[in-house]
Amino acid sequence: MRTIKVSVVTPDGPVYDADVEMVSTKAQSGELGILPGHIPMVAPLQIGAVRMKKDGKTELVAVSGGFLEVRPEKVTILAQAAEQSEDIDVERALRAKERAEQRIRERQQEHVDFKRAELALQRAINRLAVAERRL
């Protein structure tokens, strides 16, 4: 079966690098499925999971936004933050979720940045969902 090289990179360095059969993720414009030979494109990503099909199994990486660049032989994901499912600290993600929910509840107070708290909550929920799928 044909494969396509996938690299997930953050400012802290590479997170994932492998040859896979298929990549699927959520872009701002909707769900994307990428196979070897896909037409070149660039798309902004939503907070969500990147799913890679490899040897009949699905590997997951949680990303916190960023950009996807597709070339016929390679997919590069430049993410603000990314973690492979097995690297996610579930306890830390739960604490982040609780903090974000608390900030949202306190949004009537002037010092709370509601949008920032909402994004933190989305990131925490995404990390928990990706970690849960590995179990």
Protein backbone atom coordinates (compact mmCIF):
# COMPACT_ATOMS: atom_id res chain seq x y z
CA MET A 1 0.00 0.00 0.00
CA ARG A 2 1.20 3.52 -0.79
CA THR A 3 2.14 5.79 2.07
CA ILE A 4 2.65 9.48 2.70
CA LYS A 5 5.17 10.99 5.13
CA VAL A 6 3.65 12.94 8.03
CA SER A 7 5.53 15.34 10.29
CA VAL A 8 3.96 17.15 13.22
CA VAL A 9 6.19 19.96 14.46
CA THR A 10 5.81 22.51 17.27
CA PRO A 11 8.05 25.41 18.35
CA ASP A 12 9.54 22.94 20.87
CA GLY A 13 10.50 20.45 18.16
CA PRO A 14 9.14 17.41 16.32
CA VAL A 15 6.25 15.47 17.88
CA TYR A 16 5.45 12.86 15.22
CA ASP A 17 7.23 11.62 12.12
CA ALA A 18 6.18 8.53 10.18
CA ASP A 19 4.98 7.11 6.87
CA VAL A 20 1.22 6.52 7.03
CA GLU A 21 -1.56 5.35 4.72
CA MET A 22 -3.99 8.18 5.52
CA VAL A 23 -4.27 11.39 7.57
CA SER A 24 -7.51 12.97 8.73
CA THR A 25 -8.03 16.11 10.79
CA LYS A 26 -10.27 19.17 11.21
CA ALA A 27 -9.34 22.31 9.34
CA GLN A 28 -11.15 25.62 9.78
CA SER A 29 -13.10 24.78 6.60
CA GLY A 30 -14.11 21.28 7.74
CA GLU A 31 -12.91 17.69 7.98
CA LEU A 32 -9.97 16.72 5.74
CA GLY A 33 -8.88 13.28 4.62
CA ILE A 34 -5.48 13.04 2.94
CA LEU A 35 -4.13 10.10 0.98
CA PRO A 36 -0.81 9.71 -0.88
CA GLY A 37 -0.82 11.85 -4.04
CA HIS A 38 -3.19 14.48 -2.60
CA ILE A 39 -3.13 17.86 -4.35
CA PRO A 40 -0.98 20.53 -2.68
CA MET A 41 -2.78 22.76 -0.21
CA VAL A 42 -2.39 24.78 2.98
CA ALA A 43 -5.12 25.01 5.61
CA PRO A 44 -5.46 26.44 9.14
CA LEU A 45 -6.30 23.78 11.73
CA GLN A 46 -8.83 23.76 14.53
CA ILE A 47 -8.08 22.47 18.00
CA GLY A 48 -8.59 18.73 17.57
CA ALA A 49 -7.12 15.33 16.88
CA VAL A 50 -4.99 14.36 13.91
CA ARG A 51 -5.64 10.73 13.03
CA MET A 52 -3.09 8.70 11.10
CA LYS A 53 -3.82 5.23 9.71
CA LYS A 54 -0.70 3.10 9.86
CA ASP A 55 -0.48 -0.68 9.46
CA GLY A 56 -4.22 -1.06 10.12
CA LYS A 57 -4.07 0.94 13.35
CA THR A 58 -4.99 4.54 14.13
CA GLU A 59 -2.43 6.78 15.79
CA LEU A 60 -3.61 10.04 17.38
CA VAL A 61 -1.96 13.39 18.00
CA ALA A 62 -3.79 16.19 19.86
CA VAL A 63 -3.07 19.59 18.25
CA SER A 64 -3.91 23.06 19.50
CA GLY A 65 -4.43 24.80 16.20
CA GLY A 66 -1.77 25.56 13.64
CA PHE A 67 -1.40 24.92 9.92
CA LEU A 68 -1.42 21.91 7.64
CA GLU A 69 0.66 21.85 4.47
CA VAL A 70 -0.02 19.05 2.00
CA ARG A 71 2.25 18.01 -0.83
CA PRO A 72 1.78 14.87 -2.93
CA GLU A 73 4.48 13.01 -0.96
CA LYS A 74 4.39 14.75 2.44
CA VAL A 75 2.08 16.31 5.04
CA THR A 76 3.55 18.81 7.47
CA ILE A 77 1.57 20.04 10.45
CA LEU A 78 2.92 23.14 12.16
CA ALA A 79 1.10 23.25 15.48
CA GLN A 80 1.23 25.68 18.37
CA ALA A 81 1.21 22.64 20.68
CA ALA A 82 0.86 18.92 20.01
CA GLU A 83 1.04 15.66 21.96
CA GLN A 84 0.86 12.04 20.93
CA SER A 85 -1.94 10.22 22.75
CA GLU A 86 0.45 8.15 24.86
CA ASP A 87 2.30 11.29 26.01
CA ILE A 88 -0.77 13.09 27.38
CA ASP A 89 -0.79 13.54 31.15
CA VAL A 90 -4.48 12.93 31.92
CA GLU A 91 -4.29 14.36 35.46
CA ARG A 92 -2.73 17.58 34.16
CA ALA A 93 -5.36 17.85 31.41
CA LEU A 94 -8.15 17.35 33.98
CA ARG A 95 -6.70 20.13 36.17
CA ALA A 96 -6.47 22.44 33.13
CA LYS A 97 -10.10 21.66 32.26
CA GLU A 98 -11.25 22.44 35.81
CA ARG A 99 -9.31 25.74 35.86
CA ALA A 100 -10.81 26.79 32.53
CA GLU A 101 -14.33 25.89 33.66
CA GLN A 102 -13.81 27.92 36.84
CA ARG A 103 -12.65 30.95 34.82
CA ILE A 104 -15.69 30.69 32.56
CA ARG A 105 -18.01 30.58 35.58
CA GLU A 106 -16.33 33.76 36.85
CA ARG A 107 -16.64 35.59 33.54
CA GLN A 108 -18.75 38.35 35.09
CA GLN A 109 -15.62 39.56 36.83
CA GLU A 110 -13.70 42.09 34.77
CA HIS A 111 -10.30 40.44 35.08
CA VAL A 112 -11.33 37.17 33.39
CA ASP A 113 -10.50 36.83 29.70
CA PHE A 114 -13.47 34.73 28.55
CA LYS A 115 -12.14 33.86 25.08
CA ARG A 116 -8.81 32.71 26.50
CA ALA A 117 -10.57 30.55 29.10
CA GLU A 118 -12.81 29.09 26.41
CA LEU A 119 -9.79 28.14 24.25
CA ALA A 120 -8.05 26.60 27.27
CA LEU A 121 -11.15 24.51 27.91
CA GLN A 122 -11.26 23.34 24.28
CA ARG A 123 -7.58 22.35 24.42
CA ALA A 124 -8.06 20.42 27.67
CA ILE A 125 -11.16 18.61 26.37
CA ASN A 126 -9.30 17.70 23.16
CA ARG A 127 -6.33 16.29 25.09
CA LEU A 128 -8.64 14.23 27.30
CA ALA A 129 -10.56 12.89 24.28
CA VAL A 130 -7.36 11.87 22.50
CA ALA A 131 -5.97 10.25 25.66
CA GLU A 132 -9.25 8.38 26.21
CA ARG A 133 -9.12 6.84 22.72
CA ARG A 134 -5.71 5.29 23.42
CA LEU A 135 -7.08 3.22 26.31
